[in-house]
Amino acid sequence: MTVAGGKITAIDIQRHDHGRGAAAEKITDRIIAEQSLQVDTISGATYSSKVILKAIEKALGQAGNS
């Protein structure tokens, strides 16, 4: 994840064992556009969407603690 000027500018998913949830990876576009983790999950890939959101939340928390 890249944060510049207090905004998320890029999210690069390193690994996502998704099975049928590959569509959830599009959620990163929503997060960047809305600058929020409070975005709708991807229909048909709800579980994977939630996993990706949690991973991003953790990454932001770790970045804030560094």
PDB file of N, CA and C in Angstrom:
ATOM      1  N   MET A   1       0.836  -1.160   0.000  1.00  0.00           N
ATOM      2  CA  MET A   1       0.000   0.000   0.000  1.00  0.00           C
ATOM      3  C   MET A   1       0.885   1.228   0.000  1.00  0.00           C
ATOM      4  N   THR A   2       0.474   2.228  -0.759  1.00  0.00           N
ATOM      5  CA  THR A   2       1.199   3.482  -0.809  1.00  0.00           C
ATOM      6  C   THR A   2       0.288   4.586  -0.292  1.00  0.00           C
ATOM      7  N   VAL A   3       0.795   5.339   0.674  1.00  0.00           N
ATOM      8  CA  VAL A   3       0.072   6.486   1.213  1.00  0.00           C
ATOM      9  C   VAL A   3       0.946   7.711   0.991  1.00  0.00           C
ATOM     10  N   ALA A   4       0.379   8.718   0.357  1.00  0.00           N
ATOM     11  CA  ALA A   4       1.111   9.956   0.094  1.00  0.00           C
ATOM     12  C   ALA A   4       0.201  11.137   0.403  1.00  0.00           C
ATOM     13  N   GLY A   5       0.718  12.078   1.131  1.00  0.00           N
ATOM     14  CA  GLY A   5      -0.076  13.251   1.471  1.00  0.00           C
ATOM     15  C   GLY A   5      -1.315  12.908   2.277  1.00  0.00           C
ATOM     16  N   GLY A   6      -1.229  11.843   3.066  1.00  0.00           N
ATOM     17  CA  GLY A   6      -2.361  11.435   3.886  1.00  0.00           C
ATOM     18  C   GLY A   6      -3.456  10.696   3.130  1.00  0.00           C
ATOM     19  N   LYS A   7      -3.189  10.355   1.880  1.00  0.00           N
ATOM     20  CA  LYS A   7      -4.177   9.638   1.068  1.00  0.00           C
ATOM     21  C   LYS A   7      -3.604   8.317   0.577  1.00  0.00           C
ATOM     22  N   ILE A   8      -4.473   7.315   0.486  1.00  0.00           N
ATOM     23  CA  ILE A   8      -4.077   6.024  -0.095  1.00  0.00           C
ATOM     24  C   ILE A   8      -4.031   6.226  -1.608  1.00  0.00           C
ATOM     25  N   THR A   9      -2.855   6.005  -2.185  1.00  0.00           N
ATOM     26  CA  THR A   9      -2.709   6.228  -3.623  1.00  0.00           C
ATOM     27  C   THR A   9      -2.592   4.928  -4.406  1.00  0.00           C
ATOM     28  N   ALA A  10      -2.228   3.840  -3.723  1.00  0.00           N
ATOM     29  CA  ALA A  10      -2.096   2.557  -4.416  1.00  0.00           C
ATOM     30  C   ALA A  10      -2.192   1.421  -3.409  1.00  0.00           C
ATOM     31  N   ILE A  11      -2.777   0.318  -3.858  1.00  0.00           N
ATOM     32  CA  ILE A  11      -2.845  -0.899  -3.055  1.00  0.00           C
ATOM     33  C   ILE A  11      -2.449  -2.046  -3.961  1.00  0.00           C
ATOM     34  N   ASP A  12      -1.420  -2.763  -3.567  1.00  0.00           N
ATOM     35  CA  ASP A  12      -0.927  -3.894  -4.350  1.00  0.00           C
ATOM     36  C   ASP A  12      -1.115  -5.161  -3.523  1.00  0.00           C
ATOM     37  N   ILE A  13      -1.980  -6.021  -3.966  1.00  0.00           N
ATOM     38  CA  ILE A  13      -2.223  -7.280  -3.255  1.00  0.00           C
ATOM     39  C   ILE A  13      -1.103  -8.249  -3.610  1.00  0.00           C
ATOM     40  N   GLN A  14      -0.306  -8.611  -2.613  1.00  0.00           N
ATOM     41  CA  GLN A  14       0.830  -9.509  -2.826  1.00  0.00           C
ATOM     42  C   GLN A  14       0.379 -10.953  -3.015  1.00  0.00           C
ATOM     43  N   ARG A  15      -0.575 -11.381  -2.216  1.00  0.00           N
ATOM     44  CA  ARG A  15      -1.060 -12.756  -2.320  1.00  0.00           C
ATOM     45  C   ARG A  15      -2.494 -12.800  -1.826  1.00  0.00           C
ATOM     46  N   HIS A  16      -3.359 -13.437  -2.609  1.00  0.00           N
ATOM     47  CA  HIS A  16      -4.760 -13.594  -2.234  1.00  0.00           C
ATOM     48  C   HIS A  16      -5.215 -14.961  -2.735  1.00  0.00           C
ATOM     49  N   ASP A  17      -5.265 -15.926  -1.815  1.00  0.00           N
ATOM     50  CA  ASP A  17      -5.753 -17.264  -2.155  1.00  0.00           C
ATOM     51  C   ASP A  17      -7.270 -17.192  -2.163  1.00  0.00           C
ATOM     52  N   HIS A  18      -7.819 -16.961  -3.332  1.00  0.00           N
ATOM     53  CA  HIS A  18      -9.208 -16.542  -3.434  1.00  0.00           C
ATOM     54  C   HIS A  18     -10.209 -17.591  -3.880  1.00  0.00           C
ATOM     55  N   GLY A  19      -9.785 -18.646  -4.500  1.00  0.00           N
ATOM     56  CA  GLY A  19     -10.790 -19.572  -5.042  1.00  0.00           C
ATOM     57  C   GLY A  19     -11.693 -18.821  -5.987  1.00  0.00           C
ATOM     58  N   ARG A  20     -12.970 -18.753  -5.639  1.00  0.00           N
ATOM     59  CA  ARG A  20     -13.942 -18.053  -6.496  1.00  0.00           C
ATOM     60  C   ARG A  20     -14.052 -16.570  -6.174  1.00  0.00           C
ATOM     61  N   GLY A  21     -13.255 -16.068  -5.242  1.00  0.00           N
ATOM     62  CA  GLY A  21     -13.370 -14.683  -4.814  1.00  0.00           C
ATOM     63  C   GLY A  21     -12.438 -13.709  -5.499  1.00  0.00           C
ATOM     64  N   ALA A  22     -11.933 -14.058  -6.660  1.00  0.00           N
ATOM     65  CA  ALA A  22     -10.987 -13.179  -7.360  1.00  0.00           C
ATOM     66  C   ALA A  22     -11.572 -11.796  -7.630  1.00  0.00           C
ATOM     67  N   ALA A  23     -12.872 -11.723  -7.846  1.00  0.00           N
ATOM     68  CA  ALA A  23     -13.514 -10.433  -8.131  1.00  0.00           C
ATOM     69  C   ALA A  23     -13.351  -9.449  -6.982  1.00  0.00           C
ATOM     70  N   ALA A  24     -13.140  -9.966  -5.773  1.00  0.00           N
ATOM     71  CA  ALA A  24     -13.002  -9.107  -4.597  1.00  0.00           C
ATOM     72  C   ALA A  24     -11.795  -8.189  -4.695  1.00  0.00           C
ATOM     73  N   GLU A  25     -10.826  -8.536  -5.490  1.00  0.00           N
ATOM     74  CA  GLU A  25      -9.623  -7.713  -5.601  1.00  0.00           C
ATOM     75  C   GLU A  25      -9.934  -6.327  -6.157  1.00  0.00           C
ATOM     76  N   LYS A  26     -11.088  -6.169  -6.797  1.00  0.00           N
ATOM     77  CA  LYS A  26     -11.503  -4.861  -7.314  1.00  0.00           C
ATOM     78  C   LYS A  26     -11.867  -3.895  -6.193  1.00  0.00           C
ATOM     79  N   ILE A  27     -12.034  -4.422  -4.979  1.00  0.00           N
ATOM     80  CA  ILE A  27     -12.414  -3.565  -3.856  1.00  0.00           C
ATOM     81  C   ILE A  27     -11.342  -2.513  -3.584  1.00  0.00           C
ATOM     82  N   THR A  28     -10.115  -2.800  -3.964  1.00  0.00           N
ATOM     83  CA  THR A  28      -9.043  -1.819  -3.748  1.00  0.00           C
ATOM     84  C   THR A  28      -9.320  -0.524  -4.515  1.00  0.00           C
ATOM     85  N   ASP A  29      -9.924  -0.637  -5.690  1.00  0.00           N
ATOM     86  CA  ASP A  29     -10.267   0.564  -6.462  1.00  0.00           C
ATOM     87  C   ASP A  29     -11.277   1.414  -5.698  1.00  0.00           C
ATOM     88  N   ARG A  30     -12.239   0.758  -5.056  1.00  0.00           N
ATOM     89  CA  ARG A  30     -13.257   1.481  -4.282  1.00  0.00           C
ATOM     90  C   ARG A  30     -12.627   2.181  -3.082  1.00  0.00           C
ATOM     91  N   ILE A  31     -11.706   1.482  -2.427  1.00  0.00           N
ATOM     92  CA  ILE A  31     -11.046   2.055  -1.252  1.00  0.00           C
ATOM     93  C   ILE A  31     -10.267   3.304  -1.639  1.00  0.00           C
ATOM     94  N   ILE A  32      -9.528   3.228  -2.731  1.00  0.00           N
ATOM     95  CA  ILE A  32      -8.743   4.375  -3.195  1.00  0.00           C
ATOM     96  C   ILE A  32      -9.675   5.522  -3.602  1.00  0.00           C
ATOM     97  N   ALA A  33     -10.729   5.220  -4.331  1.00  0.00           N
ATOM     98  CA  ALA A  33     -11.653   6.258  -4.802  1.00  0.00           C
ATOM     99  C   ALA A  33     -12.351   6.955  -3.642  1.00  0.00           C
ATOM    100  N   GLU A  34     -12.750   6.188  -2.631  1.00  0.00           N
ATOM    101  CA  GLU A  34     -13.499   6.761  -1.514  1.00  0.00           C
ATOM    102  C   GLU A  34     -12.614   7.144  -0.327  1.00  0.00           C
ATOM    103  N   GLN A  35     -11.321   6.752  -0.390  1.00  0.00           N
ATOM    104  CA  GLN A  35     -10.394   7.029   0.705  1.00  0.00           C
ATOM    105  C   GLN A  35     -10.975   6.562   2.035  1.00  0.00           C
ATOM    106  N   SER A  36     -11.530   5.363   2.002  1.00  0.00           N
ATOM    107  CA  SER A  36     -12.185   4.814   3.190  1.00  0.00           C
ATOM    108  C   SER A  36     -12.231   3.298   3.098  1.00  0.00           C
ATOM    109  N   LEU A  37     -12.235   2.671   4.262  1.00  0.00           N
ATOM    110  CA  LEU A  37     -12.454   1.224   4.309  1.00  0.00           C
ATOM    111  C   LEU A  37     -13.939   0.915   4.434  1.00  0.00           C
ATOM    112  N   GLN A  38     -14.759   1.939   4.559  1.00  0.00           N
ATOM    113  CA  GLN A  38     -16.205   1.771   4.672  1.00  0.00           C
ATOM    114  C   GLN A  38     -16.820   1.748   3.276  1.00  0.00           C
ATOM    115  N   VAL A  39     -16.481   0.712   2.518  1.00  0.00           N
ATOM    116  CA  VAL A  39     -17.000   0.551   1.163  1.00  0.00           C
ATOM    117  C   VAL A  39     -17.820  -0.729   1.101  1.00  0.00           C
ATOM    118  N   ASP A  40     -18.693  -0.812   0.116  1.00  0.00           N
ATOM    119  CA  ASP A  40     -19.487  -2.020  -0.072  1.00  0.00           C
ATOM    120  C   ASP A  40     -18.591  -3.168  -0.524  1.00  0.00           C
ATOM    121  N   THR A  41     -18.912  -4.369  -0.039  1.00  0.00           N
ATOM    122  CA  THR A  41     -18.182  -5.547  -0.499  1.00  0.00           C
ATOM    123  C   THR A  41     -18.586  -5.856  -1.930  1.00  0.00           C
ATOM    124  N   ILE A  42     -17.787  -6.668  -2.581  1.00  0.00           N
ATOM    125  CA  ILE A  42     -18.059  -7.062  -3.969  1.00  0.00           C
ATOM    126  C   ILE A  42     -19.078  -8.198  -3.953  1.00  0.00           C
ATOM    127  N   SER A  43     -20.172  -8.008  -4.634  1.00  0.00           N
ATOM    128  CA  SER A  43     -21.225  -9.021  -4.695  1.00  0.00           C
ATOM    129  C   SER A  43     -20.683 -10.333  -5.264  1.00  0.00           C
ATOM    130  N   GLY A  44     -20.973 -11.417  -4.588  1.00  0.00           N
ATOM    131  CA  GLY A  44     -20.494 -12.723  -5.020  1.00  0.00           C
ATOM    132  C   GLY A  44     -19.116 -13.063  -4.481  1.00  0.00           C
ATOM    133  N   ALA A  45     -18.483 -12.099  -3.821  1.00  0.00           N
ATOM    134  CA  ALA A  45     -17.151 -12.308  -3.256  1.00  0.00           C
ATOM    135  C   ALA A  45     -17.066 -11.616  -1.888  1.00  0.00           C
ATOM    136  N   THR A  46     -18.140 -11.742  -1.137  1.00  0.00           N
ATOM    137  CA  THR A  46     -18.235 -11.043   0.146  1.00  0.00           C
ATOM    138  C   THR A  46     -17.127 -11.445   1.102  1.00  0.00           C
ATOM    139  N   TYR A  47     -16.908 -12.736   1.277  1.00  0.00           N
ATOM    140  CA  TYR A  47     -15.903 -13.205   2.230  1.00  0.00           C
ATOM    141  C   TYR A  47     -14.516 -12.696   1.836  1.00  0.00           C
ATOM    142  N   SER A  48     -14.154 -12.858   0.570  1.00  0.00           N
ATOM    143  CA  SER A  48     -12.846 -12.376   0.110  1.00  0.00           C
ATOM    144  C   SER A  48     -12.734 -10.869   0.257  1.00  0.00           C
ATOM    145  N   SER A  49     -13.824 -10.137   0.014  1.00  0.00           N
ATOM    146  CA  SER A  49     -13.811  -8.688   0.188  1.00  0.00           C
ATOM    147  C   SER A  49     -13.488  -8.327   1.633  1.00  0.00           C
ATOM    148  N   LYS A  50     -14.115  -9.027   2.564  1.00  0.00           N
ATOM    149  CA  LYS A  50     -13.888  -8.758   3.987  1.00  0.00           C
ATOM    150  C   LYS A  50     -12.455  -9.088   4.397  1.00  0.00           C
ATOM    151  N   VAL A  51     -11.900 -10.159   3.832  1.00  0.00           N
ATOM    152  CA  VAL A  51     -10.518 -10.531   4.128  1.00  0.00           C
ATOM    153  C   VAL A  51      -9.560  -9.448   3.631  1.00  0.00           C
ATOM    154  N   ILE A  52      -9.786  -8.950   2.443  1.00  0.00           N
ATOM    155  CA  ILE A  52      -8.932  -7.904   1.880  1.00  0.00           C
ATOM    156  C   ILE A  52      -9.063  -6.625   2.704  1.00  0.00           C
ATOM    157  N   LEU A  53     -10.283  -6.255   3.064  1.00  0.00           N
ATOM    158  CA  LEU A  53     -10.490  -5.066   3.890  1.00  0.00           C
ATOM    159  C   LEU A  53      -9.757  -5.185   5.222  1.00  0.00           C
ATOM    160  N   LYS A  54      -9.810  -6.355   5.843  1.00  0.00           N
ATOM    161  CA  LYS A  54      -9.141  -6.565   7.133  1.00  0.00           C
ATOM    162  C   LYS A  54      -7.623  -6.461   6.968  1.00  0.00           C
ATOM    163  N   ALA A  55      -7.105  -7.018   5.890  1.00  0.00           N
ATOM    164  CA  ALA A  55      -5.661  -6.950   5.645  1.00  0.00           C
ATOM    165  C   ALA A  55      -5.209  -5.498   5.469  1.00  0.00           C
ATOM    166  N   ILE A  56      -5.998  -4.716   4.761  1.00  0.00           N
ATOM    167  CA  ILE A  56      -5.659  -3.308   4.552  1.00  0.00           C
ATOM    168  C   ILE A  56      -5.762  -2.545   5.872  1.00  0.00           C
ATOM    169  N   GLU A  57      -6.780  -2.853   6.652  1.00  0.00           N
ATOM    170  CA  GLU A  57      -6.929  -2.225   7.961  1.00  0.00           C
ATOM    171  C   GLU A  57      -5.707  -2.502   8.845  1.00  0.00           C
ATOM    172  N   LYS A  58      -5.252  -3.749   8.846  1.00  0.00           N
ATOM    173  CA  LYS A  58      -4.073  -4.114   9.625  1.00  0.00           C
ATOM    174  C   LYS A  58      -2.832  -3.382   9.121  1.00  0.00           C
ATOM    175  N   ALA A  59      -2.677  -3.299   7.808  1.00  0.00           N
ATOM    176  CA  ALA A  59      -1.515  -2.621   7.226  1.00  0.00           C
ATOM    177  C   ALA A  59      -1.511  -1.142   7.600  1.00  0.00           C
ATOM    178  N   LEU A  60      -2.680  -0.506   7.563  1.00  0.00           N
ATOM    179  CA  LEU A  60      -2.759   0.895   7.948  1.00  0.00           C
ATOM    180  C   LEU A  60      -2.430   1.065   9.420  1.00  0.00           C
ATOM    181  N   GLY A  61      -2.882   0.151  10.246  1.00  0.00           N
ATOM    182  CA  GLY A  61      -2.572   0.200  11.675  1.00  0.00           C
ATOM    183  C   GLY A  61      -1.097   0.049  11.940  1.00  0.00           C
ATOM    184  N   GLN A  62      -0.454  -0.875  11.223  1.00  0.00           N
ATOM    185  CA  GLN A  62       0.976  -1.085  11.388  1.00  0.00           C
ATOM    186  C   GLN A  62       1.763   0.117  10.910  1.00  0.00           C
ATOM    187  N   ALA A  63       1.315   0.732   9.829  1.00  0.00           N
ATOM    188  CA  ALA A  63       2.004   1.909   9.310  1.00  0.00           C
ATOM    189  C   ALA A  63       1.878   3.063  10.293  1.00  0.00           C
ATOM    190  N   GLY A  64       0.739   3.163  10.969  1.00  0.00           N
ATOM    191  CA  GLY A  64       0.543   4.222  11.939  1.00  0.00           C
ATOM    192  C   GLY A  64       1.376   4.035  13.198  1.00  0.00           C
ATOM    193  N   ASN A  65       1.791   2.795  13.453  1.00  0.00           N
ATOM    194  CA  ASN A  65       2.581   2.506  14.637  1.00  0.00           C
ATOM    195  C   ASN A  65       4.082   2.498  14.364  1.00  0.00           C
ATOM    196  N   SER A  66       4.486   2.743  13.110  1.00  0.00           N
ATOM    197  CA  SER A  66       5.925   2.705  12.809  1.00  0.00           C
ATOM    198  C   SER A  66       6.561   4.051  13.001  1.00  0.00           C
TER     199      SER A  66
END
